[in-house]
Amino acid sequence: MPNIFELLGKKKTPNLIPKSMGIKTGEEVKRVAQEELEERIYNGSSSFNGINVYVKMALTTKPEIICSNEREQKIMDDFRKRTRLDGLVLPSMVQHLCIYGKSWNEKVFNDPRKNNGKKIIIKLDPMDPKFMDFRRDEYTKRIIWDEYGEPASYVEYLKFDIPRQPVEITQLGKRAIEFPKDKIEYTPLYTLGDSWEGIGLIEPSYNSARRKFETLQGIAHSIKRVGFPLVGLEVGTDSVFPTQEMIDNAAEEFKKLDEKTTIAYPNYVKPTIIESKNIERIRKNADLFTEEEIAGLGLPRALVMGSGESTNRSTLEMQMILVFQTMGMIQNRISISMEDQVFPELVEEFNFEETPVLKWADPSESFMKKVKKVSRFLPKAKQPEERPEEEDKEKEKQSSLFEDFEEK
């Protein structure tokens, strides 16, 4: 009988590839598709209004580009005007960060031969995050890194109806164009673990927003079916026993009833109104998902829903402090991205002494003035009621009588 160890030693497995096992990394976690996040904005009034609130608040005051001298300041002012930084780039960045959790801008350079050999940025073109991605390995689908531990390059997926491009590649079975690292400005909002994929404000509450949309559809169908009053007929009396033909004839006549119809019916036919009694109960279920959606946005209900229901002054002011902290983080992400990926191009080309700084003004001062004006119409927080003086005197009197009784 052969030895089991000899059999194992003779077995050859030249094609065996070792496979490591471990926990999922940030790149392997299943995420919500970008198209579905965008769909929530189209179909969700709360998400749409909440994102617009963030964009308006972020751009309440324009940021400053601070330089070390007048020459550099003039160059940066020209850059700001040339790239439409305030009117196009910054609003798109804030909107994309809030919805998709990431922002992509293509740095469009001029032809150095036509500008005295200088290579300058003439345009910052906001890219659609739905079509942008990192360069990935075809086998593992992981991001390809450079020697600095950063994405080596980026790709833009092409739509099916776009003609074939000279530099077209294929990634994950899709047509794409590859961009060098220095041609794209990539900005994430929230990141978790080792992932470079940004997380926005819509994705954490995506399931609640989707369920709310489905619930509202159910409510609409319910209202269409039983929400409007229905006409019911009671045919027959104590002395009149209706036949099936009499019931059918009465039902046929009332089917044609509308707001302009005049109808005559015998005394043994009694029309009644059937009303729905469960609409409010269904509506409460939709409110539950609305609260979850608003919580994901991180905004007070008064700003998202446009109402002061269940909100008082002190609560609103505390919530606004948290909103401004979130807004400050979004602005800080944009500033770091500009100072690290865009401004150095100008520093190198024009020999700046220092890298310019993108500084945002504090929006809380001007915005809180508006909030205080609105909060005047909101109910004040309930304070503990003070006891009337007469009640205190009566209790003191009872206490003194009780003490006299004990002494006796």
Protein backbone atom coordinates (compact mmCIF):
# COMPACT_ATOMS: atom_id res chain seq x y z
CA MET A 1 0.00 0.00 0.00
CA PRO A 2 1.57 3.32 -1.06
CA ASN A 3 2.34 5.95 1.54
CA ILE A 4 -0.02 8.90 1.53
CA PHE A 5 2.88 11.31 1.90
CA GLU A 6 4.57 9.85 -1.21
CA LEU A 7 1.37 10.39 -3.23
CA LEU A 8 1.11 13.99 -2.07
CA GLY A 9 4.76 14.58 -2.93
CA LYS A 10 4.35 13.26 -6.50
CA LYS A 11 1.23 15.39 -7.20
CA LYS A 12 2.08 18.37 -9.35
CA THR A 13 0.04 21.60 -9.35
CA PRO A 14 1.93 23.97 -11.65
CA ASN A 15 -1.11 26.16 -12.32
CA LEU A 16 -2.07 26.63 -8.66
CA ILE A 17 -2.14 30.33 -7.73
CA PRO A 18 -1.98 31.21 -4.02
CA LYS A 19 -4.98 33.21 -2.87
CA SER A 20 -4.92 35.35 0.24
CA MET A 21 -8.05 35.67 2.34
CA GLY A 22 -8.96 38.69 4.43
CA ILE A 23 -11.53 41.38 5.14
CA LYS A 24 -12.97 43.54 2.41
CA THR A 25 -11.19 46.81 1.78
CA GLY A 26 -12.79 50.11 0.86
CA GLU A 27 -12.58 49.30 -2.84
CA GLU A 28 -14.50 46.02 -2.43
CA VAL A 29 -17.46 47.32 -0.43
CA LYS A 30 -20.62 47.46 -2.54
CA ARG A 31 -21.58 51.06 -3.22
CA VAL A 32 -24.66 52.75 -4.63
CA ALA A 33 -24.33 53.48 -8.35
CA GLN A 34 -23.78 57.13 -9.28
CA GLU A 35 -26.81 57.07 -11.59
CA GLU A 36 -29.07 56.03 -8.70
CA LEU A 37 -27.77 58.86 -6.51
CA GLU A 38 -28.62 61.31 -9.27
CA GLU A 39 -32.07 59.75 -9.62
CA ARG A 40 -32.79 60.53 -5.95
CA ILE A 41 -32.21 64.22 -6.73
CA TYR A 42 -34.62 64.11 -9.65
CA ASN A 43 -37.33 62.26 -7.70
CA GLY A 44 -36.80 63.49 -4.12
CA SER A 45 -37.88 66.99 -3.15
CA SER A 46 -36.15 66.79 0.25
CA SER A 47 -32.79 65.75 -1.23
CA PHE A 48 -33.06 68.28 -4.05
CA ASN A 49 -33.86 71.15 -1.70
CA GLY A 50 -31.24 70.10 0.86
CA ILE A 51 -28.43 70.01 -1.71
CA ASN A 52 -29.47 73.42 -3.04
CA VAL A 53 -29.36 74.81 0.50
CA TYR A 54 -25.73 73.69 0.85
CA VAL A 55 -24.79 75.21 -2.53
CA LYS A 56 -26.42 78.54 -1.66
CA MET A 57 -24.85 78.65 1.78
CA ALA A 58 -21.38 77.79 0.47
CA LEU A 59 -21.51 80.56 -2.11
CA THR A 60 -23.13 83.18 0.11
CA THR A 61 -19.77 84.94 0.20
CA LYS A 62 -17.05 84.49 -2.43
CA PRO A 63 -13.71 83.09 -1.25
CA GLU A 64 -10.52 85.12 -1.49
CA ILE A 65 -7.31 84.08 -3.25
CA ILE A 66 -4.55 85.49 -1.06
CA CYS A 67 -1.12 86.04 -2.63
CA SER A 68 2.17 87.39 -1.30
CA ASN A 69 2.48 90.40 -3.66
CA GLU A 70 0.59 92.47 -6.22
CA ARG A 71 2.07 90.74 -9.29
CA GLU A 72 0.98 87.32 -8.11
CA GLN A 73 -2.41 88.69 -7.07
CA LYS A 74 -3.03 90.09 -10.55
CA ILE A 75 -2.12 86.73 -12.16
CA MET A 76 -4.51 84.89 -9.84
CA ASP A 77 -7.29 87.41 -10.46
CA ASP A 78 -6.91 86.81 -14.19
CA PHE A 79 -6.96 83.05 -13.57
CA ARG A 80 -10.11 83.39 -11.49
CA LYS A 81 -11.91 85.34 -14.20
CA ARG A 82 -10.58 83.20 -17.07
CA THR A 83 -11.67 79.88 -15.55
CA ARG A 84 -15.04 81.22 -14.26
CA LEU A 85 -14.12 80.00 -10.81
CA ASP A 86 -17.01 81.70 -9.00
CA GLY A 87 -19.75 81.23 -11.56
CA LEU A 88 -19.10 77.65 -12.74
CA VAL A 89 -16.31 75.72 -11.04
CA LEU A 90 -17.04 76.26 -7.34
CA PRO A 91 -20.86 75.74 -7.60
CA SER A 92 -20.27 72.50 -9.53
CA MET A 93 -17.72 71.30 -6.98
CA VAL A 94 -20.03 71.89 -4.01
CA GLN A 95 -22.98 70.24 -5.79
CA HIS A 96 -20.97 67.20 -6.91
CA LEU A 97 -19.37 66.76 -3.49
CA CYS A 98 -22.77 66.75 -1.79
CA ILE A 99 -24.46 64.41 -4.29
CA TYR A 100 -21.70 62.02 -5.41
CA GLY A 101 -19.10 62.59 -2.68
CA LYS A 102 -16.44 63.48 -5.25
CA SER A 103 -15.59 66.20 -7.73
CA TRP A 104 -13.54 65.97 -10.94
CA ASN A 105 -12.17 68.95 -12.91
CA GLU A 106 -10.14 68.69 -16.09
CA LYS A 107 -7.24 71.14 -16.26
CA VAL A 108 -7.19 72.46 -19.83
CA PHE A 109 -3.82 73.94 -20.81
CA ASN A 110 -3.00 76.28 -23.65
CA ASP A 111 -0.50 75.63 -26.43
CA PRO A 112 2.88 76.84 -25.06
CA ARG A 113 4.05 77.66 -28.58
CA LYS A 114 1.37 80.36 -28.84
CA ASN A 115 2.06 81.97 -25.47
CA ASN A 116 5.82 82.63 -25.33
CA GLY A 117 6.52 79.09 -24.19
CA LYS A 118 4.33 79.37 -21.06
CA LYS A 119 2.02 76.48 -20.22
CA ILE A 120 -0.91 77.89 -18.25
CA ILE A 121 -4.36 76.67 -17.27
CA ILE A 122 -6.92 78.38 -19.47
CA LYS A 123 -9.95 76.43 -18.24
CA LEU A 124 -11.19 74.21 -15.42
CA ASP A 125 -13.81 71.93 -16.93
CA PRO A 126 -16.15 70.21 -14.41
CA MET A 127 -16.50 66.52 -15.33
CA ASP A 128 -19.61 64.40 -14.82
CA PRO A 129 -18.82 62.09 -11.86
CA LYS A 130 -21.03 59.35 -13.37
CA PHE A 131 -18.49 58.83 -16.15
CA MET A 132 -15.26 59.30 -14.18
CA ASP A 133 -13.17 56.60 -12.52
CA PHE A 134 -9.63 55.67 -11.51
CA ARG A 135 -7.39 53.59 -13.77
CA ARG A 136 -7.97 50.02 -12.59
CA ASP A 137 -6.38 46.63 -13.06
CA GLU A 138 -8.43 44.50 -15.44
CA TYR A 139 -8.04 41.36 -13.32
CA THR A 140 -8.42 42.61 -9.74
CA LYS A 141 -10.44 45.76 -10.58
CA ARG A 142 -8.32 47.61 -8.03
CA ILE A 143 -6.91 51.10 -8.47
CA ILE A 144 -3.46 51.25 -10.04
CA TRP A 145 -1.13 53.27 -7.81
CA ASP A 146 1.97 55.31 -8.58
CA GLU A 147 5.20 55.40 -6.58
CA TYR A 148 3.68 57.93 -4.15
CA GLY A 149 0.71 55.75 -3.22
CA GLU A 150 -1.73 57.87 -5.23
CA PRO A 151 -3.87 56.94 -8.26
CA ALA A 152 -1.59 56.73 -11.29
CA SER A 153 -4.18 58.09 -13.75
CA TYR A 154 -7.89 58.59 -14.32
CA VAL A 155 -10.37 57.52 -17.00
CA GLU A 156 -13.57 58.92 -18.44
CA TYR A 157 -16.08 56.38 -19.74
CA LEU A 158 -17.57 57.20 -23.13
CA LYS A 159 -21.23 57.15 -24.07
CA PHE A 160 -22.30 54.50 -26.54
CA ASP A 161 -23.09 57.02 -29.30
CA ILE A 162 -19.71 58.80 -29.26
CA PRO A 163 -17.51 57.99 -32.29
CA ARG A 164 -14.34 56.03 -31.74
CA GLN A 165 -11.49 58.14 -30.32
CA PRO A 166 -7.81 57.92 -31.38
CA VAL A 167 -6.64 57.36 -27.77
CA GLU A 168 -9.54 55.16 -26.71
CA ILE A 169 -8.94 52.31 -24.24
CA THR A 170 -11.11 49.63 -22.62
CA GLN A 171 -11.61 49.33 -18.85
CA LEU A 172 -13.98 46.92 -17.13
CA GLY A 173 -15.56 46.21 -20.50
CA LYS A 174 -16.35 49.88 -21.16
CA ARG A 175 -14.96 52.34 -23.67
CA ALA A 176 -12.89 55.02 -21.98
CA ILE A 177 -10.25 57.73 -22.38
CA GLU A 178 -7.29 57.83 -20.02
CA PHE A 179 -6.15 61.10 -18.45
CA PRO A 180 -2.69 61.64 -16.93
CA LYS A 181 -2.65 62.42 -13.24
CA ASP A 182 -1.66 66.07 -13.75
CA LYS A 183 -4.63 66.72 -16.06
CA ILE A 184 -7.34 66.01 -13.46
CA GLU A 185 -8.18 67.66 -10.14
CA TYR A 186 -9.87 65.05 -7.94
CA THR A 187 -11.60 66.08 -4.69
CA PRO A 188 -13.35 63.61 -2.31
CA LEU A 189 -15.71 64.63 0.49
CA TYR A 190 -15.88 61.86 3.12
CA THR A 191 -13.65 58.80 2.88
CA LEU A 192 -13.57 55.62 4.98
CA GLY A 193 -10.63 53.33 5.61
CA ASP A 194 -8.18 53.01 2.74
CA SER A 195 -10.70 53.94 0.05
CA TRP A 196 -10.20 56.88 -2.28
CA GLU A 197 -13.87 56.80 -3.22
CA GLY A 198 -15.69 59.78 -1.76
CA ILE A 199 -18.99 59.52 0.13
CA GLY A 200 -21.59 62.26 -0.31
CA LEU A 201 -24.68 63.28 1.65
CA ILE A 202 -27.20 61.27 -0.41
CA GLU A 203 -25.71 57.77 -0.23
CA PRO A 204 -26.02 57.16 3.58
CA SER A 205 -29.77 57.85 3.45
CA TYR A 206 -30.30 56.40 -0.04
CA ASN A 207 -32.42 53.44 1.14
CA SER A 208 -34.68 55.71 3.21
CA ALA A 209 -35.12 58.11 0.28
CA ARG A 210 -35.95 55.23 -2.07
CA ARG A 211 -38.46 53.72 0.36
CA LYS A 212 -40.05 57.14 0.89
CA PHE A 213 -40.49 57.50 -2.86
CA GLU A 214 -42.12 54.07 -3.08
CA THR A 215 -44.34 54.85 -0.08
CA LEU A 216 -45.47 58.14 -1.62
CA GLN A 217 -46.32 56.27 -4.80
CA GLY A 218 -48.46 53.92 -2.71
CA ILE A 219 -50.15 56.88 -1.04
CA ALA A 220 -50.89 58.43 -4.44
CA HIS A 221 -52.46 55.20 -5.67
CA SER A 222 -54.43 54.89 -2.42
CA ILE A 223 -55.74 58.45 -2.71
CA LYS A 224 -56.68 57.85 -6.32
CA ARG A 225 -58.54 54.71 -5.35
CA VAL A 226 -60.17 55.55 -2.00
CA GLY A 227 -58.94 59.03 -1.09
CA PHE A 228 -61.65 60.74 -3.11
CA PRO A 229 -65.19 60.17 -1.85
CA LEU A 230 -66.93 57.19 -3.46
CA VAL A 231 -70.68 56.98 -3.99
CA GLY A 232 -72.41 53.95 -2.46
CA LEU A 233 -76.00 53.01 -3.10
CA GLU A 234 -78.49 51.49 -0.71
CA VAL A 235 -81.32 50.02 -2.80
CA GLY A 236 -84.60 48.97 -1.20
CA THR A 237 -86.73 49.78 1.84
CA ASP A 238 -88.85 47.91 4.35
CA SER A 239 -91.67 47.76 1.85
CA VAL A 240 -89.63 47.51 -1.39
CA PHE A 241 -87.56 44.39 -1.96
CA PRO A 242 -85.11 45.14 -4.81
CA THR A 243 -84.41 42.70 -7.57
CA GLN A 244 -81.00 42.23 -9.14
CA GLU A 245 -82.17 44.21 -12.17
CA MET A 246 -83.17 47.18 -9.98
CA ILE A 247 -79.73 47.18 -8.31
CA ASP A 248 -77.92 46.96 -11.63
CA ASN A 249 -79.97 49.79 -13.13
CA ALA A 250 -79.27 52.09 -10.16
CA ALA A 251 -75.56 51.33 -10.27
CA GLU A 252 -75.46 51.99 -14.02
CA GLU A 253 -77.12 55.39 -13.64
CA PHE A 254 -74.75 56.56 -10.88
CA LYS A 255 -71.66 55.49 -12.86
CA LYS A 256 -72.22 58.51 -15.11
CA LEU A 257 -72.31 60.91 -12.16
CA ASP A 258 -69.90 63.89 -12.18
CA GLU A 259 -69.88 67.49 -10.89
CA LYS A 260 -72.21 68.69 -13.68
CA THR A 261 -74.68 65.81 -13.66
CA THR A 262 -78.26 66.13 -12.47
CA ILE A 263 -79.90 62.83 -11.66
CA ALA A 264 -83.30 61.76 -10.37
CA TYR A 265 -83.78 58.54 -8.44
CA PRO A 266 -86.70 56.81 -6.68
CA ASN A 267 -87.19 56.91 -2.92
CA TYR A 268 -86.01 53.35 -2.47
CA VAL A 269 -82.49 54.34 -3.68
CA LYS A 270 -80.36 56.09 -1.02
CA PRO A 271 -76.90 57.31 -2.15
CA THR A 272 -74.22 57.58 0.55
CA ILE A 273 -70.62 58.87 0.55
CA ILE A 274 -67.83 56.38 1.38
CA GLU A 275 -64.70 58.13 2.66
CA SER A 276 -61.25 56.72 3.39
CA LYS A 277 -60.17 56.59 7.04
CA ASN A 278 -56.59 55.27 6.69
CA ILE A 279 -54.79 58.00 4.69
CA GLU A 280 -53.32 59.67 7.80
CA ARG A 281 -51.98 56.33 9.03
CA ILE A 282 -50.22 55.72 5.71
CA ARG A 283 -48.85 59.27 5.75
CA LYS A 284 -47.12 58.68 9.09
CA ASN A 285 -45.09 55.88 7.51
CA ALA A 286 -43.86 58.28 4.81
CA ASP A 287 -42.90 60.83 7.48
CA LEU A 288 -40.61 58.24 9.08
CA PHE A 289 -38.55 57.91 5.87
CA THR A 290 -38.55 61.69 5.43
CA GLU A 291 -36.96 62.12 8.87
CA GLU A 292 -34.25 59.59 7.95
CA GLU A 293 -33.56 61.40 4.68
CA ILE A 294 -33.27 64.77 6.40
CA ALA A 295 -30.97 63.27 9.05
CA GLY A 296 -28.64 62.06 6.30
CA LEU A 297 -28.46 65.56 4.83
CA GLY A 298 -27.48 66.99 8.22
CA LEU A 299 -29.81 69.99 7.86
CA PRO A 300 -32.59 71.26 10.13
CA ARG A 301 -36.06 70.20 9.06
CA ALA A 302 -37.09 73.85 8.85
CA LEU A 303 -34.58 74.50 6.04
CA VAL A 304 -35.30 71.33 4.06
CA MET A 305 -39.10 71.31 4.34
CA GLY A 306 -39.57 75.09 4.43
CA SER A 307 -41.68 74.97 7.60
CA GLY A 308 -41.22 75.73 11.26
CA GLU A 309 -43.09 72.69 12.51
CA SER A 310 -41.57 71.10 15.64
CA THR A 311 -38.78 73.71 15.66
CA ASN A 312 -38.00 76.39 18.21
CA ARG A 313 -35.35 79.08 18.33
CA SER A 314 -32.82 77.41 20.58
CA THR A 315 -33.02 74.11 18.68
CA LEU A 316 -32.66 75.82 15.30
CA GLU A 317 -29.59 77.80 16.41
CA MET A 318 -27.89 74.65 17.73
CA GLN A 319 -28.61 72.79 14.49
CA MET A 320 -27.27 75.68 12.42
CA ILE A 321 -23.95 75.49 14.29
CA LEU A 322 -23.55 71.89 13.11
CA VAL A 323 -24.55 72.88 9.57
CA PHE A 324 -21.85 75.56 9.46
CA GLN A 325 -19.29 73.03 10.67
CA THR A 326 -20.26 70.71 7.79
CA MET A 327 -20.13 73.63 5.38
CA GLY A 328 -16.69 74.61 6.68
CA MET A 329 -15.45 71.07 6.04
CA ILE A 330 -16.73 71.15 2.44
CA GLN A 331 -15.06 74.50 1.84
CA ASN A 332 -11.84 73.23 3.41
CA ARG A 333 -11.82 70.20 1.09
CA ILE A 334 -12.11 72.49 -1.93
CA SER A 335 -9.34 74.80 -0.65
CA ILE A 336 -6.91 71.92 -0.05
CA SER A 337 -7.66 70.48 -3.49
CA MET A 338 -7.05 73.82 -5.23
CA GLU A 339 -3.88 74.56 -3.29
CA ASP A 340 -2.42 71.09 -3.88
CA GLN A 341 -3.50 70.31 -7.46
CA VAL A 342 -4.24 73.56 -9.32
CA PHE A 343 -2.32 76.50 -7.86
CA PRO A 344 1.11 74.76 -8.01
CA GLU A 345 0.82 74.81 -11.82
CA LEU A 346 0.74 78.61 -11.71
CA VAL A 347 3.42 78.81 -9.02
CA GLU A 348 5.85 76.83 -11.17
CA GLU A 349 5.07 78.64 -14.43
CA PHE A 350 5.15 82.21 -13.07
CA ASN A 351 7.77 81.73 -10.32
CA PHE A 352 5.58 82.64 -7.36
CA GLU A 353 7.27 83.18 -4.02
CA GLU A 354 4.54 81.23 -2.19
CA THR A 355 1.55 79.11 -3.11
CA PRO A 356 -1.66 81.20 -3.04
CA VAL A 357 -4.28 80.39 -0.41
CA LEU A 358 -8.01 80.00 -1.08
CA LYS A 359 -9.70 81.45 1.99
CA TRP A 360 -13.44 81.33 2.58
CA ALA A 361 -15.33 83.94 4.56
CA ASP A 362 -17.37 82.73 7.51
CA PRO A 363 -20.96 82.41 6.20
CA SER A 364 -22.43 82.05 9.68
CA GLU A 365 -22.56 85.78 10.41
CA SER A 366 -24.63 86.85 7.41
CA PHE A 367 -26.67 83.67 7.36
CA MET A 368 -27.50 83.72 11.07
CA LYS A 369 -28.94 87.21 10.66
CA LYS A 370 -31.40 85.75 8.16
CA VAL A 371 -32.11 82.81 10.47
CA LYS A 372 -32.88 85.14 13.37
CA LYS A 373 -35.36 87.01 11.20
CA VAL A 374 -37.07 83.72 10.33
CA SER A 375 -36.89 82.40 13.90
CA ARG A 376 -39.00 85.31 15.14
CA PHE A 377 -41.99 83.59 13.56
CA LEU A 378 -41.23 80.24 15.25
CA PRO A 379 -42.64 79.27 18.65
CA LYS A 380 -40.40 79.86 21.63
CA ALA A 381 -39.04 76.94 23.61
CA LYS A 382 -41.33 76.00 26.46
CA GLN A 383 -40.07 77.20 29.83
CA PRO A 384 -41.10 75.70 33.19
CA GLU A 385 -44.08 77.59 34.50
CA GLU A 386 -43.52 79.64 37.67
CA ARG A 387 -45.91 79.11 40.56
CA PRO A 388 -48.14 82.07 41.39
CA GLU A 389 -47.42 83.98 44.56
CA GLU A 390 -50.87 83.16 45.95
CA GLU A 391 -50.12 79.43 45.64
CA ASP A 392 -46.82 79.85 47.54
CA LYS A 393 -48.55 81.84 50.31
CA GLU A 394 -51.25 79.17 50.65
CA LYS A 395 -48.62 76.43 51.00
CA GLU A 396 -46.75 78.46 53.65
CA LYS A 397 -50.02 78.94 55.55
CA GLN A 398 -50.78 75.22 55.46
CA SER A 399 -47.25 74.45 56.63
CA SER A 400 -47.55 76.82 59.64
CA LEU A 401 -50.90 75.29 60.62
CA PHE A 402 -49.36 71.83 60.45
CA GLU A 403 -46.49 72.96 62.72
CA ASP A 404 -48.96 74.46 65.27
CA PHE A 405 -50.91 71.21 65.29
CA GLU A 406 -47.75 69.21 66.02
CA GLU A 407 -46.80 71.51 68.91
CA LYS A 408 -50.23 71.02 70.51
